[in-house]
Amino acid sequence: MLIDLHGKTGLVTGAAGGIGRASAIALAAAGARVVVSDLAARSDDGQQTVKAIREGGGDAIFTACDVTSATDWQSLIAETLAWGGRLDFAHNNAGIGFPASLVDTTEEEFQRVLTVNTTSVWLGMKYQIPAMLAAGRGSIVNTSSLAGLRGLAHGSAYSASKHAVLGLTRSASNEYANDGVRVNAICPAAVDTNMTAALPAELRAQILAPQAMKRFAAPQEIGYAVAWLCSDAASFVTGVALPVDGGASAS
């Protein structure tokens, strides 16, 4: 079955660049109407994602959202429903990295990583799921990481946050499996994004080392996996932590 999202509407957070932009473009290319979302400060980059989608023949709008804010989440869901009439899928992708050793991480830094990477996913699902339940179906994809499946030295806060995303994903998938709502997570390894480009060379080498494929993935390679999970081609898939990792999980 080809990935077919015609007639479906959904949203992608952190979509001003990187995996989020690639995901939004892949979803739109499969026929979906996509709400591109990111921080208001990144609206120009978000509009570039919208432009790329429209140039490819797709339909998209940009809506700003701070994913750590319940109020912003409620507004984002309301605007998505007002624009598209439904919420068929959501890719909770927004997140931050934080390369630091455990003892060098302050309490404030640790809490910030958990808030942006984990609490945001909980908030997103809290407001996405009721909209999907009203329609009797929906698909949620959360961005975890290979660091959510194994420990990452000099990245304890990040790894903890991504492990927690998998816990939320699995719990939500069990709660709503018989209500038509599927919840999955992707676990990318080394991906060529601005976030990974800013990492120290030593840490870039560390995250690449476990992979059988000794290269960084292109963001669109992750986006295709998201589009598949959001589609009916994955209708019997829920609660999965899907490695998109160049063979890292095989080692």
C-alpha atoms as a PDB file:
ATOM      1  CA  MET A   1       0.000   0.000   0.000  1.00  0.00           C
ATOM      2  CA  LEU A   2       1.323   3.418  -0.921  1.00  0.00           C
ATOM      3  CA  ILE A   3       1.368   6.094   1.777  1.00  0.00           C
ATOM      4  CA  ASP A   4      -1.857   7.990   1.140  1.00  0.00           C
ATOM      5  CA  LEU A   5      -2.889  10.857   3.405  1.00  0.00           C
ATOM      6  CA  HIS A   6      -5.331  12.611   1.083  1.00  0.00           C
ATOM      7  CA  GLY A   7      -8.257  14.047   3.015  1.00  0.00           C
ATOM      8  CA  LYS A   8      -6.325  14.079   6.282  1.00  0.00           C
ATOM      9  CA  THR A   9      -5.223  17.084   8.348  1.00  0.00           C
ATOM     10  CA  GLY A  10      -2.578  17.177  11.039  1.00  0.00           C
ATOM     11  CA  LEU A  11       0.188  19.110  12.704  1.00  0.00           C
ATOM     12  CA  VAL A  12       3.938  18.956  13.171  1.00  0.00           C
ATOM     13  CA  THR A  13       5.798  20.773  15.945  1.00  0.00           C
ATOM     14  CA  GLY A  14       9.385  21.904  15.664  1.00  0.00           C
ATOM     15  CA  ALA A  15       8.683  22.163  11.935  1.00  0.00           C
ATOM     16  CA  ALA A  16      10.768  25.246  11.176  1.00  0.00           C
ATOM     17  CA  GLY A  17      13.713  23.018  10.262  1.00  0.00           C
ATOM     18  CA  GLY A  18      15.393  19.650  10.604  1.00  0.00           C
ATOM     19  CA  ILE A  19      13.298  16.536  11.156  1.00  0.00           C
ATOM     20  CA  GLY A  20      10.131  18.575  11.710  1.00  0.00           C
ATOM     21  CA  ARG A  21      10.422  20.340   8.367  1.00  0.00           C
ATOM     22  CA  ALA A  22      11.187  17.081   6.587  1.00  0.00           C
ATOM     23  CA  SER A  23       8.238  15.388   8.283  1.00  0.00           C
ATOM     24  CA  ALA A  24       5.832  18.177   7.344  1.00  0.00           C
ATOM     25  CA  ILE A  25       6.999  18.058   3.726  1.00  0.00           C
ATOM     26  CA  ALA A  26       6.707  14.243   3.568  1.00  0.00           C
ATOM     27  CA  LEU A  27       3.213  14.318   5.068  1.00  0.00           C
ATOM     28  CA  ALA A  28       2.088  16.986   2.608  1.00  0.00           C
ATOM     29  CA  ALA A  29       3.636  15.097  -0.310  1.00  0.00           C
ATOM     30  CA  ALA A  30       1.436  12.135   0.683  1.00  0.00           C
ATOM     31  CA  GLY A  31      -1.623  14.371   0.365  1.00  0.00           C
ATOM     32  CA  ALA A  32      -2.191  15.703   3.883  1.00  0.00           C
ATOM     33  CA  ARG A  33      -3.001  19.255   4.873  1.00  0.00           C
ATOM     34  CA  VAL A  34      -0.336  20.226   7.390  1.00  0.00           C
ATOM     35  CA  VAL A  35      -0.220  22.791  10.174  1.00  0.00           C
ATOM     36  CA  VAL A  36       3.447  23.729  10.477  1.00  0.00           C
ATOM     37  CA  SER A  37       4.210  24.821  14.028  1.00  0.00           C
ATOM     38  CA  ASP A  38       7.190  26.196  15.905  1.00  0.00           C
ATOM     39  CA  LEU A  39       8.066  29.041  18.225  1.00  0.00           C
ATOM     40  CA  ALA A  40       6.952  32.518  17.207  1.00  0.00           C
ATOM     41  CA  ALA A  41      10.630  33.494  17.091  1.00  0.00           C
ATOM     42  CA  ARG A  42      11.097  30.914  14.312  1.00  0.00           C
ATOM     43  CA  SER A  43       8.088  31.996  12.258  1.00  0.00           C
ATOM     44  CA  ASP A  44      10.231  33.030   9.278  1.00  0.00           C
ATOM     45  CA  ASP A  45      11.772  29.565   9.097  1.00  0.00           C
ATOM     46  CA  GLY A  46       8.349  28.036   9.622  1.00  0.00           C
ATOM     47  CA  GLN A  47       7.008  30.003   6.690  1.00  0.00           C
ATOM     48  CA  GLN A  48       9.874  28.591   4.611  1.00  0.00           C
ATOM     49  CA  THR A  49       8.542  25.120   5.401  1.00  0.00           C
ATOM     50  CA  VAL A  50       5.064  26.228   4.328  1.00  0.00           C
ATOM     51  CA  LYS A  51       6.527  27.669   1.126  1.00  0.00           C
ATOM     52  CA  ALA A  52       8.318  24.414   0.319  1.00  0.00           C
ATOM     53  CA  ILE A  53       5.081  22.474   0.827  1.00  0.00           C
ATOM     54  CA  ARG A  54       3.054  24.812  -1.366  1.00  0.00           C
ATOM     55  CA  GLU A  55       5.701  24.790  -4.088  1.00  0.00           C
ATOM     56  CA  GLY A  56       5.361  21.008  -4.089  1.00  0.00           C
ATOM     57  CA  GLY A  57       1.609  21.292  -4.615  1.00  0.00           C
ATOM     58  CA  GLY A  58       0.625  20.751  -0.983  1.00  0.00           C
ATOM     59  CA  ASP A  59      -1.443  22.739   1.484  1.00  0.00           C
ATOM     60  CA  ALA A  60      -0.046  24.138   4.723  1.00  0.00           C
ATOM     61  CA  ILE A  61      -0.220  27.020   7.159  1.00  0.00           C
ATOM     62  CA  PHE A  62       2.079  28.178   9.939  1.00  0.00           C
ATOM     63  CA  THR A  63       0.837  28.527  13.517  1.00  0.00           C
ATOM     64  CA  ALA A  64       3.151  29.531  16.342  1.00  0.00           C
ATOM     65  CA  CYS A  65       3.182  27.394  19.489  1.00  0.00           C
ATOM     66  CA  ASP A  66       5.357  27.152  22.563  1.00  0.00           C
ATOM     67  CA  VAL A  67       5.009  23.438  23.232  1.00  0.00           C
ATOM     68  CA  THR A  68       5.671  23.940  26.949  1.00  0.00           C
ATOM     69  CA  SER A  69       2.493  26.035  27.266  1.00  0.00           C
ATOM     70  CA  ALA A  70      -0.904  24.396  27.773  1.00  0.00           C
ATOM     71  CA  THR A  71      -2.596  27.560  26.524  1.00  0.00           C
ATOM     72  CA  ASP A  72      -0.573  27.515  23.321  1.00  0.00           C
ATOM     73  CA  TRP A  73      -1.418  23.848  22.800  1.00  0.00           C
ATOM     74  CA  GLN A  74      -5.130  24.520  23.183  1.00  0.00           C
ATOM     75  CA  SER A  75      -4.872  27.334  20.648  1.00  0.00           C
ATOM     76  CA  LEU A  76      -2.908  25.181  18.207  1.00  0.00           C
ATOM     77  CA  ILE A  77      -5.493  22.391  18.321  1.00  0.00           C
ATOM     78  CA  ALA A  78      -8.353  24.882  17.951  1.00  0.00           C
ATOM     79  CA  GLU A  79      -6.687  26.543  14.954  1.00  0.00           C
ATOM     80  CA  THR A  80      -5.989  23.184  13.337  1.00  0.00           C
ATOM     81  CA  LEU A  81      -9.637  22.167  13.693  1.00  0.00           C
ATOM     82  CA  ALA A  82     -10.832  25.542  12.425  1.00  0.00           C
ATOM     83  CA  TRP A  83      -8.573  25.324   9.357  1.00  0.00           C
ATOM     84  CA  GLY A  84      -8.792  21.646   8.498  1.00  0.00           C
ATOM     85  CA  GLY A  85     -11.992  20.578  10.243  1.00  0.00           C
ATOM     86  CA  ARG A  86     -10.282  17.588  11.883  1.00  0.00           C
ATOM     87  CA  LEU A  87      -7.124  16.302  13.508  1.00  0.00           C
ATOM     88  CA  ASP A  88      -6.070  13.027  11.929  1.00  0.00           C
ATOM     89  CA  PHE A  89      -2.419  12.982  12.943  1.00  0.00           C
ATOM     90  CA  ALA A  90       0.150  14.807  15.030  1.00  0.00           C
ATOM     91  CA  HIS A  91       3.930  14.633  15.048  1.00  0.00           C
ATOM     92  CA  ASN A  92       5.223  15.824  18.408  1.00  0.00           C
ATOM     93  CA  ASN A  93       8.737  16.617  17.307  1.00  0.00           C
ATOM     94  CA  ALA A  94       9.857  19.821  19.026  1.00  0.00           C
ATOM     95  CA  GLY A  95      12.836  19.352  21.303  1.00  0.00           C
ATOM     96  CA  ILE A  96      16.260  20.534  22.338  1.00  0.00           C
ATOM     97  CA  GLY A  97      19.632  18.909  22.835  1.00  0.00           C
ATOM     98  CA  PHE A  98      21.944  19.415  25.767  1.00  0.00           C
ATOM     99  CA  PRO A  99      25.459  17.968  25.535  1.00  0.00           C
ATOM    100  CA  ALA A 100      26.888  17.940  29.052  1.00  0.00           C
ATOM    101  CA  SER A 101      28.040  15.418  31.614  1.00  0.00           C
ATOM    102  CA  LEU A 102      25.677  14.480  34.414  1.00  0.00           C
ATOM    103  CA  VAL A 103      27.616  16.303  37.154  1.00  0.00           C
ATOM    104  CA  ASP A 104      28.066  19.421  35.019  1.00  0.00           C
ATOM    105  CA  THR A 105      24.320  19.720  34.381  1.00  0.00           C
ATOM    106  CA  THR A 106      22.536  22.141  36.686  1.00  0.00           C
ATOM    107  CA  GLU A 107      19.110  21.455  38.131  1.00  0.00           C
ATOM    108  CA  GLU A 108      17.674  24.275  36.030  1.00  0.00           C
ATOM    109  CA  GLU A 109      19.205  22.860  32.844  1.00  0.00           C
ATOM    110  CA  PHE A 110      17.950  19.360  33.601  1.00  0.00           C
ATOM    111  CA  GLN A 111      14.419  20.595  34.233  1.00  0.00           C
ATOM    112  CA  ARG A 112      14.488  22.686  31.064  1.00  0.00           C
ATOM    113  CA  VAL A 113      15.395  19.669  28.919  1.00  0.00           C
ATOM    114  CA  LEU A 114      12.650  17.568  30.512  1.00  0.00           C
ATOM    115  CA  THR A 115      10.098  20.341  30.077  1.00  0.00           C
ATOM    116  CA  VAL A 116      10.834  20.950  26.392  1.00  0.00           C
ATOM    117  CA  ASN A 117      11.398  17.323  25.388  1.00  0.00           C
ATOM    118  CA  THR A 118       9.003  15.397  27.615  1.00  0.00           C
ATOM    119  CA  THR A 119       6.371  17.590  29.252  1.00  0.00           C
ATOM    120  CA  SER A 120       5.628  19.059  25.823  1.00  0.00           C
ATOM    121  CA  VAL A 121       4.800  15.594  24.481  1.00  0.00           C
ATOM    122  CA  TRP A 122       2.461  14.920  27.401  1.00  0.00           C
ATOM    123  CA  LEU A 123       0.765  18.288  26.879  1.00  0.00           C
ATOM    124  CA  GLY A 124       0.460  17.678  23.160  1.00  0.00           C
ATOM    125  CA  MET A 125      -1.225  14.318  23.599  1.00  0.00           C
ATOM    126  CA  LYS A 126      -3.439  15.684  26.379  1.00  0.00           C
ATOM    127  CA  TYR A 127      -5.066  18.049  23.876  1.00  0.00           C
ATOM    128  CA  GLN A 128      -4.657  16.024  20.671  1.00  0.00           C
ATOM    129  CA  ILE A 129      -6.290  12.836  21.911  1.00  0.00           C
ATOM    130  CA  PRO A 130      -9.720  14.329  22.771  1.00  0.00           C
ATOM    131  CA  ALA A 131      -9.926  15.795  19.255  1.00  0.00           C
ATOM    132  CA  MET A 132      -9.059  12.406  17.787  1.00  0.00           C
ATOM    133  CA  LEU A 133     -11.479  10.546  20.051  1.00  0.00           C
ATOM    134  CA  ALA A 134     -14.263  12.829  18.858  1.00  0.00           C
ATOM    135  CA  ALA A 135     -13.553  11.685  15.314  1.00  0.00           C
ATOM    136  CA  GLY A 136     -13.050   8.070  16.331  1.00  0.00           C
ATOM    137  CA  ARG A 137      -9.521   7.784  14.994  1.00  0.00           C
ATOM    138  CA  GLY A 138      -6.084   9.364  14.808  1.00  0.00           C
ATOM    139  CA  SER A 139      -2.357   8.735  14.772  1.00  0.00           C
ATOM    140  CA  ILE A 140       0.273  10.349  16.985  1.00  0.00           C
ATOM    141  CA  VAL A 141       4.005  10.080  16.390  1.00  0.00           C
ATOM    142  CA  ASN A 142       6.386  11.269  19.104  1.00  0.00           C
ATOM    143  CA  THR A 143      10.055  11.950  18.445  1.00  0.00           C
ATOM    144  CA  SER A 144      12.267  10.022  20.819  1.00  0.00           C
ATOM    145  CA  SER A 145      15.819   9.081  19.862  1.00  0.00           C
ATOM    146  CA  LEU A 146      18.334   6.267  19.814  1.00  0.00           C
ATOM    147  CA  ALA A 147      19.281   7.944  23.111  1.00  0.00           C
ATOM    148  CA  GLY A 148      15.831   6.881  24.323  1.00  0.00           C
ATOM    149  CA  LEU A 149      16.774   3.248  23.762  1.00  0.00           C
ATOM    150  CA  ARG A 150      20.300   3.322  25.164  1.00  0.00           C
ATOM    151  CA  GLY A 151      22.401   5.578  27.352  1.00  0.00           C
ATOM    152  CA  LEU A 152      24.206   8.557  25.875  1.00  0.00           C
ATOM    153  CA  ALA A 153      27.381   9.600  27.662  1.00  0.00           C
ATOM    154  CA  HIS A 154      27.603  13.385  28.046  1.00  0.00           C
ATOM    155  CA  GLY A 155      23.895  13.581  27.362  1.00  0.00           C
ATOM    156  CA  SER A 156      22.183  12.327  30.506  1.00  0.00           C
ATOM    157  CA  ALA A 157      19.430  14.955  30.554  1.00  0.00           C
ATOM    158  CA  TYR A 158      18.653  14.440  26.877  1.00  0.00           C
ATOM    159  CA  SER A 159      18.719  10.651  27.183  1.00  0.00           C
ATOM    160  CA  ALA A 160      16.459  10.736  30.245  1.00  0.00           C
ATOM    161  CA  SER A 161      13.968  12.957  28.443  1.00  0.00           C
ATOM    162  CA  LYS A 162      13.859  10.682  25.406  1.00  0.00           C
ATOM    163  CA  HIS A 163      13.443   7.531  27.523  1.00  0.00           C
ATOM    164  CA  ALA A 164      10.487   9.284  29.162  1.00  0.00           C
ATOM    165  CA  VAL A 165       8.950  10.017  25.763  1.00  0.00           C
ATOM    166  CA  LEU A 166       8.869   6.273  25.123  1.00  0.00           C
ATOM    167  CA  GLY A 167       7.137   5.687  28.444  1.00  0.00           C
ATOM    168  CA  LEU A 168       4.453   8.211  27.545  1.00  0.00           C
ATOM    169  CA  THR A 169       4.095   6.700  24.081  1.00  0.00           C
ATOM    170  CA  ARG A 170       3.636   3.158  25.349  1.00  0.00           C
ATOM    171  CA  SER A 171       1.209   4.145  28.086  1.00  0.00           C
ATOM    172  CA  ALA A 172      -0.929   6.255  25.756  1.00  0.00           C
ATOM    173  CA  SER A 173      -0.950   3.519  23.111  1.00  0.00           C
ATOM    174  CA  ASN A 174      -2.374   1.067  25.639  1.00  0.00           C
ATOM    175  CA  GLU A 175      -4.967   3.511  26.907  1.00  0.00           C
ATOM    176  CA  TYR A 176      -6.440   4.378  23.498  1.00  0.00           C
ATOM    177  CA  ALA A 177      -5.722   1.375  21.269  1.00  0.00           C
ATOM    178  CA  ASN A 178      -9.380   0.342  21.169  1.00  0.00           C
ATOM    179  CA  ASP A 179     -10.617   3.885  20.594  1.00  0.00           C
ATOM    180  CA  GLY A 180      -9.028   4.198  17.165  1.00  0.00           C
ATOM    181  CA  VAL A 181      -6.051   6.272  18.279  1.00  0.00           C
ATOM    182  CA  ARG A 182      -2.580   4.900  17.563  1.00  0.00           C
ATOM    183  CA  VAL A 183       0.494   6.270  19.359  1.00  0.00           C
ATOM    184  CA  ASN A 184       4.024   5.476  18.210  1.00  0.00           C
ATOM    185  CA  ALA A 185       7.500   6.926  18.499  1.00  0.00           C
ATOM    186  CA  ILE A 186      10.437   7.237  16.159  1.00  0.00           C
ATOM    187  CA  CYS A 187      13.961   6.761  17.482  1.00  0.00           C
ATOM    188  CA  PRO A 188      16.401   8.394  15.072  1.00  0.00           C
ATOM    189  CA  ALA A 189      20.141   8.008  15.483  1.00  0.00           C
ATOM    190  CA  ALA A 190      22.558  10.460  13.841  1.00  0.00           C
ATOM    191  CA  VAL A 191      20.601  12.908  11.672  1.00  0.00           C
ATOM    192  CA  ASP A 192      22.070  15.843   9.787  1.00  0.00           C
ATOM    193  CA  THR A 193      20.302  18.784  11.447  1.00  0.00           C
ATOM    194  CA  ASN A 194      21.340  22.135  12.872  1.00  0.00           C
ATOM    195  CA  MET A 195      21.145  20.607  16.358  1.00  0.00           C
ATOM    196  CA  THR A 196      23.633  17.829  15.579  1.00  0.00           C
ATOM    197  CA  ALA A 197      25.837  20.174  13.558  1.00  0.00           C
ATOM    198  CA  ALA A 198      26.293  22.292  16.683  1.00  0.00           C
ATOM    199  CA  LEU A 199      27.536  19.349  18.760  1.00  0.00           C
ATOM    200  CA  PRO A 200      31.217  18.979  19.621  1.00  0.00           C
ATOM    201  CA  ALA A 201      33.107  16.747  17.190  1.00  0.00           C
ATOM    202  CA  GLU A 202      33.693  14.164  19.919  1.00  0.00           C
ATOM    203  CA  LEU A 203      29.968  13.832  20.621  1.00  0.00           C
ATOM    204  CA  ARG A 204      29.114  13.700  16.910  1.00  0.00           C
ATOM    205  CA  ALA A 205      31.535  10.788  16.572  1.00  0.00           C
ATOM    206  CA  GLN A 206      30.003   9.107  19.625  1.00  0.00           C
ATOM    207  CA  ILE A 207      26.443   9.173  18.289  1.00  0.00           C
ATOM    208  CA  LEU A 208      27.599   7.924  14.885  1.00  0.00           C
ATOM    209  CA  ALA A 209      29.724   5.079  16.269  1.00  0.00           C
ATOM    210  CA  PRO A 210      26.926   2.529  17.000  1.00  0.00           C
ATOM    211  CA  GLN A 211      25.555   2.701  13.475  1.00  0.00           C
ATOM    212  CA  ALA A 212      26.270   0.056  10.849  1.00  0.00           C
ATOM    213  CA  MET A 213      25.801   2.820   8.267  1.00  0.00           C
ATOM    214  CA  LYS A 214      28.610   5.253   8.999  1.00  0.00           C
ATOM    215  CA  ARG A 215      26.835   8.399   7.906  1.00  0.00           C
ATOM    216  CA  PHE A 216      24.332  10.911   9.217  1.00  0.00           C
ATOM    217  CA  ALA A 217      20.783  10.399   7.962  1.00  0.00           C
ATOM    218  CA  ALA A 218      19.137  13.034   5.831  1.00  0.00           C
ATOM    219  CA  PRO A 219      16.108  14.506   7.670  1.00  0.00           C
ATOM    220  CA  GLN A 220      13.752  13.327   4.928  1.00  0.00           C
ATOM    221  CA  GLU A 221      14.698   9.728   5.693  1.00  0.00           C
ATOM    222  CA  ILE A 222      13.122  10.245   9.105  1.00  0.00           C
ATOM    223  CA  GLY A 223      10.184  12.147   7.617  1.00  0.00           C
ATOM    224  CA  TYR A 224       9.215   9.189   5.444  1.00  0.00           C
ATOM    225  CA  ALA A 225       8.986   6.969   8.535  1.00  0.00           C
ATOM    226  CA  VAL A 226       6.716   9.511  10.219  1.00  0.00           C
ATOM    227  CA  ALA A 227       4.447   9.700   7.171  1.00  0.00           C
ATOM    228  CA  TRP A 228       4.125   5.922   7.128  1.00  0.00           C
ATOM    229  CA  LEU A 229       3.211   5.749  10.824  1.00  0.00           C
ATOM    230  CA  CYS A 230       0.581   8.454  10.308  1.00  0.00           C
ATOM    231  CA  SER A 231      -0.979   6.614   7.376  1.00  0.00           C
ATOM    232  CA  ASP A 232      -3.432   3.734   7.195  1.00  0.00           C
ATOM    233  CA  ALA A 233      -0.561   1.618   5.856  1.00  0.00           C
ATOM    234  CA  ALA A 234       0.452   1.349   9.539  1.00  0.00           C
ATOM    235  CA  SER A 235      -3.083   0.730  10.807  1.00  0.00           C
ATOM    236  CA  PHE A 236      -2.052  -2.242  12.996  1.00  0.00           C
ATOM    237  CA  VAL A 237       1.011  -0.515  14.454  1.00  0.00           C
ATOM    238  CA  THR A 238       0.796   1.109  17.874  1.00  0.00           C
ATOM    239  CA  GLY A 239       3.028   1.407  20.917  1.00  0.00           C
ATOM    240  CA  VAL A 240       6.145   0.983  18.786  1.00  0.00           C
ATOM    241  CA  ALA A 241       9.514   2.645  19.387  1.00  0.00           C
ATOM    242  CA  LEU A 242      10.664   2.543  15.763  1.00  0.00           C
ATOM    243  CA  PRO A 243      14.433   2.784  15.310  1.00  0.00           C
ATOM    244  CA  VAL A 244      15.382   4.779  12.236  1.00  0.00           C
ATOM    245  CA  ASP A 245      19.023   4.384  13.036  1.00  0.00           C
ATOM    246  CA  GLY A 246      21.194   3.064  10.243  1.00  0.00           C
ATOM    247  CA  GLY A 247      21.531  -0.318  11.909  1.00  0.00           C
ATOM    248  CA  ALA A 248      22.551   0.901  15.368  1.00  0.00           C
ATOM    249  CA  SER A 249      19.980  -1.358  17.013  1.00  0.00           C
ATOM    250  CA  ALA A 250      21.474  -4.381  15.274  1.00  0.00           C
ATOM    251  CA  SER A 251      24.803  -4.058  17.074  1.00  0.00           C
END
